[in-house]
Amino acid sequence: MANHKNTKKAIRNSAKKRLLNRYQAVTSRNLVKKLRGTTDHAEASELLKTVISKLDRLAKRNVIHKNKASNNKSKLTRFVNGLATA
């Protein structure tokens, strides 16, 4: 158990940050699932913009790795482009 005031505060802060990071990661996963479930190209391309923005923000804040964000963006863009041809 923490004995110093600063250590106790660090534990409180890390718990808050962990909750925020988990919330943001779950929200982005839900957005990705929603995008994967769409079949309309116009709707998917609009949703893609918000998903890409969210992934970039998470990567910038080190919630997810930057390569994971890049891979997700690439795959989702290919998915949306495939909807246009289908």
C-alpha atoms as a PDB file:
ATOM      1  CA  MET A   1       0.000   0.000   0.000  1.00  0.00           C
ATOM      2  CA  ALA A   2       1.149   3.531  -0.702  1.00  0.00           C
ATOM      3  CA  ASN A   3       2.687   5.401   2.200  1.00  0.00           C
ATOM      4  CA  HIS A   4       3.338   8.804   0.676  1.00  0.00           C
ATOM      5  CA  LYS A   5       0.800  11.468  -0.182  1.00  0.00           C
ATOM      6  CA  ASN A   6       2.113  11.802  -3.704  1.00  0.00           C
ATOM      7  CA  THR A   7       1.925   8.063  -4.334  1.00  0.00           C
ATOM      8  CA  LYS A   8      -1.692   7.963  -3.172  1.00  0.00           C
ATOM      9  CA  LYS A   9      -2.506  10.830  -5.515  1.00  0.00           C
ATOM     10  CA  ALA A  10      -0.722   9.064  -8.390  1.00  0.00           C
ATOM     11  CA  ILE A  11      -2.824   5.954  -7.771  1.00  0.00           C
ATOM     12  CA  ARG A  12      -6.025   8.023  -7.855  1.00  0.00           C
ATOM     13  CA  ASN A  13      -4.976   9.800 -11.050  1.00  0.00           C
ATOM     14  CA  SER A  14      -3.946   6.604 -12.816  1.00  0.00           C
ATOM     15  CA  ALA A  15      -7.296   5.037 -11.945  1.00  0.00           C
ATOM     16  CA  LYS A  16      -9.125   8.033 -13.487  1.00  0.00           C
ATOM     17  CA  LYS A  17      -6.968   7.937 -16.607  1.00  0.00           C
ATOM     18  CA  ARG A  18      -7.463   4.185 -16.949  1.00  0.00           C
ATOM     19  CA  LEU A  19     -11.239   4.601 -16.899  1.00  0.00           C
ATOM     20  CA  LEU A  20     -11.095   7.383 -19.487  1.00  0.00           C
ATOM     21  CA  ASN A  21      -8.785   5.370 -21.747  1.00  0.00           C
ATOM     22  CA  ARG A  22     -11.030   2.297 -21.499  1.00  0.00           C
ATOM     23  CA  TYR A  23     -14.105   4.394 -22.303  1.00  0.00           C
ATOM     24  CA  GLN A  24     -12.451   5.931 -25.357  1.00  0.00           C
ATOM     25  CA  ALA A  25     -11.148   2.577 -26.608  1.00  0.00           C
ATOM     26  CA  VAL A  26     -14.556   0.923 -26.241  1.00  0.00           C
ATOM     27  CA  THR A  27     -16.239   3.855 -27.984  1.00  0.00           C
ATOM     28  CA  SER A  28     -13.878   3.572 -30.938  1.00  0.00           C
ATOM     29  CA  ARG A  29     -14.414  -0.198 -31.148  1.00  0.00           C
ATOM     30  CA  ASN A  30     -18.169   0.364 -31.232  1.00  0.00           C
ATOM     31  CA  LEU A  31     -17.763   2.935 -34.017  1.00  0.00           C
ATOM     32  CA  VAL A  32     -15.693   0.456 -36.024  1.00  0.00           C
ATOM     33  CA  LYS A  33     -18.338  -2.240 -35.547  1.00  0.00           C
ATOM     34  CA  LYS A  34     -21.042   0.200 -36.626  1.00  0.00           C
ATOM     35  CA  LEU A  35     -19.048   1.099 -39.740  1.00  0.00           C
ATOM     36  CA  ARG A  36     -18.472  -2.575 -40.576  1.00  0.00           C
ATOM     37  CA  GLY A  37     -22.215  -3.169 -40.303  1.00  0.00           C
ATOM     38  CA  THR A  38     -23.222  -0.530 -42.844  1.00  0.00           C
ATOM     39  CA  THR A  39     -24.000  -1.419 -46.430  1.00  0.00           C
ATOM     40  CA  ASP A  40     -24.675   2.056 -47.838  1.00  0.00           C
ATOM     41  CA  HIS A  41     -21.564   3.706 -49.323  1.00  0.00           C
ATOM     42  CA  ALA A  42     -22.644   7.295 -48.609  1.00  0.00           C
ATOM     43  CA  GLU A  43     -23.424   6.565 -44.975  1.00  0.00           C
ATOM     44  CA  ALA A  44     -20.226   4.547 -44.569  1.00  0.00           C
ATOM     45  CA  SER A  45     -18.024   7.287 -46.030  1.00  0.00           C
ATOM     46  CA  GLU A  46     -19.476   9.846 -43.601  1.00  0.00           C
ATOM     47  CA  LEU A  47     -18.984   7.483 -40.676  1.00  0.00           C
ATOM     48  CA  LEU A  48     -15.447   6.721 -41.866  1.00  0.00           C
ATOM     49  CA  LYS A  49     -14.454  10.357 -41.294  1.00  0.00           C
ATOM     50  CA  THR A  50     -15.486  10.216 -37.646  1.00  0.00           C
ATOM     51  CA  VAL A  51     -13.851   6.821 -37.109  1.00  0.00           C
ATOM     52  CA  ILE A  52     -10.560   7.994 -38.600  1.00  0.00           C
ATOM     53  CA  SER A  53     -10.640  11.115 -36.455  1.00  0.00           C
ATOM     54  CA  LYS A  54     -11.282   9.044 -33.329  1.00  0.00           C
ATOM     55  CA  LEU A  55      -8.491   6.580 -34.155  1.00  0.00           C
ATOM     56  CA  ASP A  56      -6.031   9.415 -34.761  1.00  0.00           C
ATOM     57  CA  ARG A  57      -6.904  10.990 -31.421  1.00  0.00           C
ATOM     58  CA  LEU A  58      -6.461   7.690 -29.591  1.00  0.00           C
ATOM     59  CA  ALA A  59      -3.101   7.089 -31.254  1.00  0.00           C
ATOM     60  CA  LYS A  60      -1.951  10.610 -30.441  1.00  0.00           C
ATOM     61  CA  ARG A  61      -2.785  10.067 -26.772  1.00  0.00           C
ATOM     62  CA  ASN A  62      -1.161   6.597 -26.730  1.00  0.00           C
ATOM     63  CA  VAL A  63      -4.412   4.817 -25.893  1.00  0.00           C
ATOM     64  CA  ILE A  64      -3.777   2.578 -28.892  1.00  0.00           C
ATOM     65  CA  HIS A  65      -0.560   2.089 -30.838  1.00  0.00           C
ATOM     66  CA  LYS A  66      -0.077   4.301 -33.886  1.00  0.00           C
ATOM     67  CA  ASN A  67       0.439   1.286 -36.162  1.00  0.00           C
ATOM     68  CA  LYS A  68      -2.799  -0.274 -34.954  1.00  0.00           C
ATOM     69  CA  ALA A  69      -4.633   2.963 -35.759  1.00  0.00           C
ATOM     70  CA  SER A  70      -2.991   3.052 -39.181  1.00  0.00           C
ATOM     71  CA  ASN A  71      -3.898  -0.580 -39.916  1.00  0.00           C
ATOM     72  CA  ASN A  72      -7.496  -0.018 -38.860  1.00  0.00           C
ATOM     73  CA  LYS A  73      -7.806   3.108 -40.993  1.00  0.00           C
ATOM     74  CA  SER A  74      -6.400   1.299 -44.014  1.00  0.00           C
ATOM     75  CA  LYS A  75      -8.701  -1.704 -43.661  1.00  0.00           C
ATOM     76  CA  LEU A  76     -11.767   0.431 -43.060  1.00  0.00           C
ATOM     77  CA  THR A  77     -10.982   2.651 -46.047  1.00  0.00           C
ATOM     78  CA  ARG A  78     -10.661  -0.431 -48.252  1.00  0.00           C
ATOM     79  CA  PHE A  79     -13.970  -1.693 -46.886  1.00  0.00           C
ATOM     80  CA  VAL A  80     -15.753   1.589 -47.691  1.00  0.00           C
ATOM     81  CA  ASN A  81     -14.201   1.754 -51.149  1.00  0.00           C
ATOM     82  CA  GLY A  82     -15.392  -1.804 -51.752  1.00  0.00           C
ATOM     83  CA  LEU A  83     -18.941  -0.725 -50.973  1.00  0.00           C
ATOM     84  CA  ALA A  84     -18.790   1.794 -53.813  1.00  0.00           C
ATOM     85  CA  THR A  85     -17.997  -0.856 -56.421  1.00  0.00           C
ATOM     86  CA  ALA A  86     -20.424  -3.455 -55.089  1.00  0.00           C
END
